[in-house]
Amino acid sequence: MLDRFDAVIVGSGFSGSLLGWILAKQGWAVLLIDSGRHPRFAIGESSTPTADFLLHHIATRWGLRRLAPLASWGAWKDAYPELHCGKKRGFSYFKHPKGKPFVDDAQHRQSLFVAASSEDRFSDTHWLRSSVDQFLVQSAVDEGVILCEATSLQSATYDRSDRLWNLNIEGTEAVQAIVSPWLIDASGGGGATADFVDNPLDDDWMRTRTRATFAHFVGVLPFHEGRAADDPFCDAPE
C-alpha cells in the first residue's frame, strides 16, 4: 500500500521547515524530505523590522508559540540563549577610494549610517542558519512532521483524474512510493521539481556579475574601541 501524505515538501531550509510546521499544526500529515542533513552550513539571514513583524504575525496567526521569540533579539535571548544569533541595530556604508586610507569628516560625508532598531531588546537579528534551521526543522518534527534526510525526489507525476502526485523518493534504505495531493518545492535554487513539472531551469538570463567574498580578518578593532565619538550605539563590548 502506498504511503499517503496531505503534503510533501522538498527542502528543509527555514521556508520548508516553517511551512511544514504550520501545516502539521493544522492537523495535516506532512512529509519533509531533504538531500542533506542538519545541522549544516548556510549563508544568511539577517532580519529587518518588517521581517520581524511578519515572523511574529505568522507565529500568532498559526499558533506557533515557540516561533514568536525569534522576532526580536531580546525575546530570542530570553527564550533560547543556546540558539545562536547576533544583534542587528543598524548597518553602515563607507566610501573607500581604492588605494587610499579611509578618511571621514565631521559631517560623515563618506559614510551612511542606517538605524534599524530603537534599542537592544527590540533589535533585529543576524541568524546563524545552521543553528536556526535545525531549530525550525526540529520544531516541525515535534509537531508531527515526518522528516527524511539524505533523501531525494526521484520522480513525480500528477494524475489529473485522482488529483494526486505519484512520487518516488530515494533515501539510505530504498526507493519509496508516495502519493499526495500537494507537492511543494522549497529547495530554492536547486529546482528539485523542475524536471517533473515541465518547468526547466532557465535562470541563466537572470544572473548578474555580482560577487560575494567570505573571509576572516586580522587586526580589526573591537567595535567599542573603533567607534566614532558620536556613534549612537552603546559602546559596551559584545
C-alpha atoms as a PDB file:
ATOM      1  CA  MET A   1       0.000   0.000   0.000  1.00  0.00           C
ATOM      2  CA  LEU A   2       1.290   3.456  -0.921  1.00  0.00           C
ATOM      3  CA  ASP A   3       2.195   5.901   1.826  1.00  0.00           C
ATOM      4  CA  ARG A   4      -0.119   8.882   1.614  1.00  0.00           C
ATOM      5  CA  PHE A   5       0.505  12.382   2.942  1.00  0.00           C
ATOM      6  CA  ASP A   6      -1.521  15.568   2.794  1.00  0.00           C
ATOM      7  CA  ALA A   7       1.599  17.416   1.623  1.00  0.00           C
ATOM      8  CA  VAL A   8       5.146  16.533   0.591  1.00  0.00           C
ATOM      9  CA  ILE A   9       7.703  19.327   0.942  1.00  0.00           C
ATOM     10  CA  VAL A  10      11.084  19.133  -0.774  1.00  0.00           C
ATOM     11  CA  GLY A  11      13.730  21.102   1.120  1.00  0.00           C
ATOM     12  CA  SER A  12      14.090  21.582   4.879  1.00  0.00           C
ATOM     13  CA  GLY A  13      15.586  25.054   4.986  1.00  0.00           C
ATOM     14  CA  PHE A  14      13.751  27.641   7.052  1.00  0.00           C
ATOM     15  CA  SER A  15      10.955  28.086   4.476  1.00  0.00           C
ATOM     16  CA  GLY A  16      10.255  24.381   4.028  1.00  0.00           C
ATOM     17  CA  SER A  17      10.517  23.616   7.739  1.00  0.00           C
ATOM     18  CA  LEU A  18       8.353  26.582   8.694  1.00  0.00           C
ATOM     19  CA  LEU A  19       5.650  25.624   6.183  1.00  0.00           C
ATOM     20  CA  GLY A  20       5.739  22.013   7.374  1.00  0.00           C
ATOM     21  CA  TRP A  21       5.398  23.203  10.962  1.00  0.00           C
ATOM     22  CA  ILE A  22       2.377  25.362  10.058  1.00  0.00           C
ATOM     23  CA  LEU A  23       0.620  22.577   8.137  1.00  0.00           C
ATOM     24  CA  ALA A  24       1.245  19.986  10.846  1.00  0.00           C
ATOM     25  CA  LYS A  25      -0.154  22.407  13.416  1.00  0.00           C
ATOM     26  CA  GLN A  26      -3.389  22.375  11.392  1.00  0.00           C
ATOM     27  CA  GLY A  27      -3.537  18.590  11.518  1.00  0.00           C
ATOM     28  CA  TRP A  28      -2.017  17.819   8.103  1.00  0.00           C
ATOM     29  CA  ALA A  29       0.108  14.715   7.549  1.00  0.00           C
ATOM     30  CA  VAL A  30       3.345  16.203   6.191  1.00  0.00           C
ATOM     31  CA  LEU A  31       6.447  14.564   4.732  1.00  0.00           C
ATOM     32  CA  LEU A  32       9.573  16.748   4.597  1.00  0.00           C
ATOM     33  CA  ILE A  33      12.485  15.453   2.531  1.00  0.00           C
ATOM     34  CA  ASP A  34      15.970  16.849   2.047  1.00  0.00           C
ATOM     35  CA  SER A  35      19.084  15.590   0.292  1.00  0.00           C
ATOM     36  CA  GLY A  36      21.264  16.874   3.157  1.00  0.00           C
ATOM     37  CA  ARG A  37      21.309  16.661   6.935  1.00  0.00           C
ATOM     38  CA  HIS A  38      21.062  19.166   9.776  1.00  0.00           C
ATOM     39  CA  PRO A  39      22.955  20.976  11.179  1.00  0.00           C
ATOM     40  CA  ARG A  40      24.600  22.327   8.020  1.00  0.00           C
ATOM     41  CA  PHE A  41      26.226  25.484   6.740  1.00  0.00           C
ATOM     42  CA  ALA A  42      24.046  28.077   5.023  1.00  0.00           C
ATOM     43  CA  ILE A  43      24.608  31.769   4.261  1.00  0.00           C
ATOM     44  CA  GLY A  44      22.296  34.404   5.827  1.00  0.00           C
ATOM     45  CA  GLU A  45      19.971  35.658   7.084  1.00  0.00           C
ATOM     46  CA  SER A  46      19.521  38.946   8.891  1.00  0.00           C
ATOM     47  CA  SER A  47      16.075  40.208   9.753  1.00  0.00           C
ATOM     48  CA  THR A  48      14.511  43.632   9.202  1.00  0.00           C
ATOM     49  CA  PRO A  49      11.723  45.375  11.143  1.00  0.00           C
ATOM     50  CA  THR A  50       9.224  44.228   8.504  1.00  0.00           C
ATOM     51  CA  ALA A  51      10.515  40.651   8.636  1.00  0.00           C
ATOM     52  CA  ASP A  52      10.313  40.701  12.439  1.00  0.00           C
ATOM     53  CA  PHE A  53       6.701  41.858  12.252  1.00  0.00           C
ATOM     54  CA  LEU A  54       5.802  39.144   9.745  1.00  0.00           C
ATOM     55  CA  LEU A  55       7.564  36.453  11.765  1.00  0.00           C
ATOM     56  CA  HIS A  56       5.581  37.410  14.868  1.00  0.00           C
ATOM     57  CA  HIS A  57       2.393  37.593  12.779  1.00  0.00           C
ATOM     58  CA  ILE A  58       2.983  34.064  11.422  1.00  0.00           C
ATOM     59  CA  ALA A  59       3.598  32.768  14.949  1.00  0.00           C
ATOM     60  CA  THR A  60       0.374  34.375  16.192  1.00  0.00           C
ATOM     61  CA  ARG A  61      -1.747  33.509  13.142  1.00  0.00           C
ATOM     62  CA  TRP A  62      -0.850  29.818  13.154  1.00  0.00           C
ATOM     63  CA  GLY A  63      -0.349  29.238  16.870  1.00  0.00           C
ATOM     64  CA  LEU A  64       3.421  28.609  16.702  1.00  0.00           C
ATOM     65  CA  ARG A  65       4.223  29.643  20.252  1.00  0.00           C
ATOM     66  CA  ARG A  66       7.871  28.582  20.028  1.00  0.00           C
ATOM     67  CA  LEU A  67       8.468  30.740  16.943  1.00  0.00           C
ATOM     68  CA  ALA A  68       7.386  34.106  18.362  1.00  0.00           C
ATOM     69  CA  PRO A  69      10.581  34.866  20.374  1.00  0.00           C
ATOM     70  CA  LEU A  70      12.650  34.843  17.180  1.00  0.00           C
ATOM     71  CA  ALA A  71      11.017  38.139  16.162  1.00  0.00           C
ATOM     72  CA  SER A  72      13.407  40.267  18.279  1.00  0.00           C
ATOM     73  CA  TRP A  73      16.872  39.941  19.788  1.00  0.00           C
ATOM     74  CA  GLY A  74      15.736  40.481  23.379  1.00  0.00           C
ATOM     75  CA  ALA A  75      12.929  37.906  23.287  1.00  0.00           C
ATOM     76  CA  TRP A  76      15.182  35.455  21.431  1.00  0.00           C
ATOM     77  CA  LYS A  77      17.942  35.695  24.063  1.00  0.00           C
ATOM     78  CA  ASP A  78      15.448  35.297  26.906  1.00  0.00           C
ATOM     79  CA  ALA A  79      13.775  32.230  25.389  1.00  0.00           C
ATOM     80  CA  TYR A  80      16.672  30.496  23.614  1.00  0.00           C
ATOM     81  CA  PRO A  81      20.077  31.607  24.955  1.00  0.00           C
ATOM     82  CA  GLU A  82      21.612  28.481  23.416  1.00  0.00           C
ATOM     83  CA  LEU A  83      20.320  29.308  19.907  1.00  0.00           C
ATOM     84  CA  HIS A  84      22.918  31.427  18.161  1.00  0.00           C
ATOM     85  CA  CYS A  85      22.040  34.852  16.779  1.00  0.00           C
ATOM     86  CA  GLY A  86      23.629  38.273  16.566  1.00  0.00           C
ATOM     87  CA  LYS A  87      22.274  41.695  17.373  1.00  0.00           C
ATOM     88  CA  LYS A  88      21.489  43.987  14.430  1.00  0.00           C
ATOM     89  CA  ARG A  89      20.825  47.557  15.485  1.00  0.00           C
ATOM     90  CA  GLY A  90      21.665  49.002  12.079  1.00  0.00           C
ATOM     91  CA  PHE A  91      24.268  48.969   9.334  1.00  0.00           C
ATOM     92  CA  SER A  92      26.679  51.362   7.624  1.00  0.00           C
ATOM     93  CA  TYR A  93      28.073  52.075   4.182  1.00  0.00           C
ATOM     94  CA  PHE A  94      31.524  53.584   3.607  1.00  0.00           C
ATOM     95  CA  LYS A  95      33.026  55.260   0.546  1.00  0.00           C
ATOM     96  CA  HIS A  96      36.569  53.959   0.456  1.00  0.00           C
ATOM     97  CA  PRO A  97      38.636  55.071  -2.592  1.00  0.00           C
ATOM     98  CA  LYS A  98      40.889  52.376  -3.976  1.00  0.00           C
ATOM     99  CA  GLY A  99      44.470  52.520  -2.737  1.00  0.00           C
ATOM    100  CA  LYS A 100      43.808  55.235  -0.141  1.00  0.00           C
ATOM    101  CA  PRO A 101      43.175  55.030   3.590  1.00  0.00           C
ATOM    102  CA  PHE A 102      39.606  55.673   4.634  1.00  0.00           C
ATOM    103  CA  VAL A 103      39.063  59.205   5.933  1.00  0.00           C
ATOM    104  CA  ASP A 104      35.741  60.676   7.017  1.00  0.00           C
ATOM    105  CA  ASP A 105      34.859  64.177   8.189  1.00  0.00           C
ATOM    106  CA  ALA A 106      32.686  65.605  10.943  1.00  0.00           C
ATOM    107  CA  GLN A 107      29.656  65.605   8.632  1.00  0.00           C
ATOM    108  CA  HIS A 108      30.188  61.911   7.749  1.00  0.00           C
ATOM    109  CA  ARG A 109      30.097  62.684   4.041  1.00  0.00           C
ATOM    110  CA  GLN A 110      31.990  59.470   3.259  1.00  0.00           C
ATOM    111  CA  SER A 111      29.674  57.195   5.230  1.00  0.00           C
ATOM    112  CA  LEU A 112      25.997  56.419   5.597  1.00  0.00           C
ATOM    113  CA  PHE A 113      24.554  55.038   8.826  1.00  0.00           C
ATOM    114  CA  VAL A 114      21.162  53.303   8.690  1.00  0.00           C
ATOM    115  CA  ALA A 115      19.432  52.708  12.025  1.00  0.00           C
ATOM    116  CA  ALA A 116      17.024  49.765  12.186  1.00  0.00           C
ATOM    117  CA  SER A 117      16.114  49.254  15.856  1.00  0.00           C
ATOM    118  CA  SER A 118      15.438  51.728  18.626  1.00  0.00           C
ATOM    119  CA  GLU A 119      17.039  49.669  21.401  1.00  0.00           C
ATOM    120  CA  ASP A 120      18.677  46.335  22.035  1.00  0.00           C
ATOM    121  CA  ARG A 121      15.659  44.350  23.198  1.00  0.00           C
ATOM    122  CA  PHE A 122      13.723  45.239  20.035  1.00  0.00           C
ATOM    123  CA  SER A 123      16.751  44.729  17.817  1.00  0.00           C
ATOM    124  CA  ASP A 124      16.729  42.823  14.558  1.00  0.00           C
ATOM    125  CA  THR A 125      18.848  39.681  14.430  1.00  0.00           C
ATOM    126  CA  HIS A 126      21.581  38.005  12.439  1.00  0.00           C
ATOM    127  CA  TRP A 127      20.779  34.306  12.110  1.00  0.00           C
ATOM    128  CA  LEU A 128      23.356  31.538  12.342  1.00  0.00           C
ATOM    129  CA  ARG A 129      21.486  29.426   9.842  1.00  0.00           C
ATOM    130  CA  SER A 130      22.960  26.082  10.866  1.00  0.00           C
ATOM    131  CA  SER A 131      21.544  26.656  14.342  1.00  0.00           C
ATOM    132  CA  VAL A 132      18.224  28.290  13.392  1.00  0.00           C
ATOM    133  CA  ASP A 133      17.397  25.879  10.569  1.00  0.00           C
ATOM    134  CA  GLN A 134      17.919  22.937  12.895  1.00  0.00           C
ATOM    135  CA  PHE A 135      15.647  24.580  15.473  1.00  0.00           C
ATOM    136  CA  LEU A 136      12.897  25.077  12.885  1.00  0.00           C
ATOM    137  CA  VAL A 137      13.090  21.567  11.446  1.00  0.00           C
ATOM    138  CA  GLN A 138      13.100  20.053  14.928  1.00  0.00           C
ATOM    139  CA  SER A 139      10.055  22.165  15.845  1.00  0.00           C
ATOM    140  CA  ALA A 140       8.299  20.824  12.735  1.00  0.00           C
ATOM    141  CA  VAL A 141       9.177  17.260  13.694  1.00  0.00           C
ATOM    142  CA  ASP A 142       7.955  17.844  17.254  1.00  0.00           C
ATOM    143  CA  GLU A 143       4.636  18.978  15.745  1.00  0.00           C
ATOM    144  CA  GLY A 144       4.322  15.705  13.811  1.00  0.00           C
ATOM    145  CA  VAL A 145       6.140  16.274  10.502  1.00  0.00           C
ATOM    146  CA  ILE A 146       7.889  13.168   9.141  1.00  0.00           C
ATOM    147  CA  LEU A 147      11.457  14.151   8.223  1.00  0.00           C
ATOM    148  CA  CYS A 148      13.522  12.122   5.737  1.00  0.00           C
ATOM    149  CA  GLU A 149      17.092  13.414   5.456  1.00  0.00           C
ATOM    150  CA  ALA A 150      19.656  12.219   2.906  1.00  0.00           C
ATOM    151  CA  THR A 151      16.638  11.629   0.653  1.00  0.00           C
ATOM    152  CA  SER A 152      15.982  12.869  -2.872  1.00  0.00           C
ATOM    153  CA  LEU A 153      12.977  13.084  -5.167  1.00  0.00           C
ATOM    154  CA  GLN A 154      13.455  10.579  -7.991  1.00  0.00           C
ATOM    155  CA  SER A 155      10.236  11.062  -9.934  1.00  0.00           C
ATOM    156  CA  ALA A 156       6.955  12.958  -9.751  1.00  0.00           C
ATOM    157  CA  THR A 157       3.881  12.597 -11.965  1.00  0.00           C
ATOM    158  CA  TYR A 158       0.482  14.190 -11.483  1.00  0.00           C
ATOM    159  CA  ASP A 159      -2.671  12.132 -12.014  1.00  0.00           C
ATOM    160  CA  ARG A 160      -5.364  14.604 -13.086  1.00  0.00           C
ATOM    161  CA  SER A 161      -8.188  12.144 -12.598  1.00  0.00           C
ATOM    162  CA  ASP A 162      -7.258  11.369  -8.988  1.00  0.00           C
ATOM    163  CA  ARG A 163      -5.731  14.818  -8.392  1.00  0.00           C
ATOM    164  CA  LEU A 164      -2.752  13.197  -6.750  1.00  0.00           C
ATOM    165  CA  TRP A 165       1.005  13.356  -7.134  1.00  0.00           C
ATOM    166  CA  ASN A 166       2.655   9.961  -7.521  1.00  0.00           C
ATOM    167  CA  LEU A 167       6.158  10.294  -6.125  1.00  0.00           C
ATOM    168  CA  ASN A 168       9.223   8.137  -5.760  1.00  0.00           C
ATOM    169  CA  ILE A 169      11.786   9.158  -3.172  1.00  0.00           C
ATOM    170  CA  GLU A 170      15.128   7.514  -2.505  1.00  0.00           C
ATOM    171  CA  GLY A 171      16.981   7.594   0.786  1.00  0.00           C
ATOM    172  CA  THR A 172      19.538   5.444   2.530  1.00  0.00           C
ATOM    173  CA  GLU A 173      17.220   2.430   2.535  1.00  0.00           C
ATOM    174  CA  ALA A 174      15.398   2.062  -0.809  1.00  0.00           C
ATOM    175  CA  VAL A 175      13.051   3.776  -3.254  1.00  0.00           C
ATOM    176  CA  GLN A 176       9.690   4.519  -1.634  1.00  0.00           C
ATOM    177  CA  ALA A 177       6.406   5.240  -3.453  1.00  0.00           C
ATOM    178  CA  ILE A 178       4.210   8.039  -2.073  1.00  0.00           C
ATOM    179  CA  VAL A 179       1.004   9.794  -3.091  1.00  0.00           C
ATOM    180  CA  SER A 180      -0.058  13.284  -2.081  1.00  0.00           C
ATOM    181  CA  PRO A 181      -2.393  15.996  -3.365  1.00  0.00           C
ATOM    182  CA  TRP A 182       0.307  18.600  -2.674  1.00  0.00           C
ATOM    183  CA  LEU A 183       3.955  18.643  -3.785  1.00  0.00           C
ATOM    184  CA  ILE A 184       5.752  21.779  -2.588  1.00  0.00           C
ATOM    185  CA  ASP A 185       9.244  22.684  -3.809  1.00  0.00           C
ATOM    186  CA  ALA A 186      11.134  24.558  -1.086  1.00  0.00           C
ATOM    187  CA  SER A 187      14.551  23.550  -2.379  1.00  0.00           C
ATOM    188  CA  GLY A 188      15.455  27.061  -3.534  1.00  0.00           C
ATOM    189  CA  GLY A 189      17.819  27.366  -6.461  1.00  0.00           C
ATOM    190  CA  GLY A 190      18.134  23.605  -6.720  1.00  0.00           C
ATOM    191  CA  GLY A 191      14.793  23.365  -8.510  1.00  0.00           C
ATOM    192  CA  ALA A 192      14.140  19.827  -7.277  1.00  0.00           C
ATOM    193  CA  THR A 193      10.815  19.507  -9.129  1.00  0.00           C
ATOM    194  CA  ALA A 194      11.750  21.400 -12.311  1.00  0.00           C
ATOM    195  CA  ASP A 195      12.274  18.278 -14.410  1.00  0.00           C
ATOM    196  CA  PHE A 196       8.927  16.791 -13.388  1.00  0.00           C
ATOM    197  CA  VAL A 197       6.570  19.738 -13.926  1.00  0.00           C
ATOM    198  CA  ASP A 198       7.613  20.894 -17.401  1.00  0.00           C
ATOM    199  CA  ASN A 199       9.360  23.910 -15.892  1.00  0.00           C
ATOM    200  CA  PRO A 200      13.039  23.598 -16.879  1.00  0.00           C
ATOM    201  CA  LEU A 201      15.544  25.845 -15.153  1.00  0.00           C
ATOM    202  CA  ASP A 202      16.139  28.956 -17.254  1.00  0.00           C
ATOM    203  CA  ASP A 203      17.740  31.258 -14.706  1.00  0.00           C
ATOM    204  CA  ASP A 204      20.864  31.951 -16.799  1.00  0.00           C
ATOM    205  CA  TRP A 205      19.274  35.114 -18.161  1.00  0.00           C
ATOM    206  CA  MET A 206      18.768  36.422 -14.626  1.00  0.00           C
ATOM    207  CA  ARG A 207      22.365  36.019 -13.487  1.00  0.00           C
ATOM    208  CA  THR A 208      24.332  39.148 -12.678  1.00  0.00           C
ATOM    209  CA  ARG A 209      28.053  39.827 -12.483  1.00  0.00           C
ATOM    210  CA  THR A 210      27.982  40.382  -8.739  1.00  0.00           C
ATOM    211  CA  ARG A 211      30.317  38.519  -6.415  1.00  0.00           C
ATOM    212  CA  ALA A 212      30.458  37.835  -2.692  1.00  0.00           C
ATOM    213  CA  THR A 213      33.529  37.402  -0.503  1.00  0.00           C
ATOM    214  CA  PHE A 214      33.633  35.323   2.659  1.00  0.00           C
ATOM    215  CA  ALA A 215      36.777  35.937   4.695  1.00  0.00           C
ATOM    216  CA  HIS A 216      38.375  36.200   8.120  1.00  0.00           C
ATOM    217  CA  PHE A 217      40.140  39.431   9.028  1.00  0.00           C
ATOM    218  CA  VAL A 218      43.107  40.038  11.337  1.00  0.00           C
ATOM    219  CA  GLY A 219      43.761  43.192  13.347  1.00  0.00           C
ATOM    220  CA  VAL A 220      40.238  44.613  13.238  1.00  0.00           C
ATOM    221  CA  LEU A 221      39.480  46.702  16.312  1.00  0.00           C
ATOM    222  CA  PRO A 222      36.602  45.672  18.569  1.00  0.00           C
ATOM    223  CA  PHE A 223      33.545  47.839  17.979  1.00  0.00           C
ATOM    224  CA  HIS A 224      33.816  49.635  21.314  1.00  0.00           C
ATOM    225  CA  GLU A 225      37.411  50.657  20.502  1.00  0.00           C
ATOM    226  CA  GLY A 226      36.924  51.655  16.890  1.00  0.00           C
ATOM    227  CA  ARG A 227      33.616  53.533  17.172  1.00  0.00           C
ATOM    228  CA  ALA A 228      33.339  57.213  16.376  1.00  0.00           C
ATOM    229  CA  ALA A 229      32.771  59.554  19.307  1.00  0.00           C
ATOM    230  CA  ASP A 230      29.275  60.455  18.071  1.00  0.00           C
ATOM    231  CA  ASP A 231      28.166  56.904  17.236  1.00  0.00           C
ATOM    232  CA  PRO A 232      24.640  56.421  18.649  1.00  0.00           C
ATOM    233  CA  PHE A 233      25.144  52.778  19.639  1.00  0.00           C
ATOM    234  CA  CYS A 234      26.099  51.590  23.100  1.00  0.00           C
ATOM    235  CA  ASP A 235      29.875  51.289  23.407  1.00  0.00           C
ATOM    236  CA  ALA A 236      29.806  48.233  25.682  1.00  0.00           C
ATOM    237  CA  PRO A 237      31.719  45.286  24.133  1.00  0.00           C
ATOM    238  CA  GLU A 238      29.642  42.308  22.986  1.00  0.00           C
END
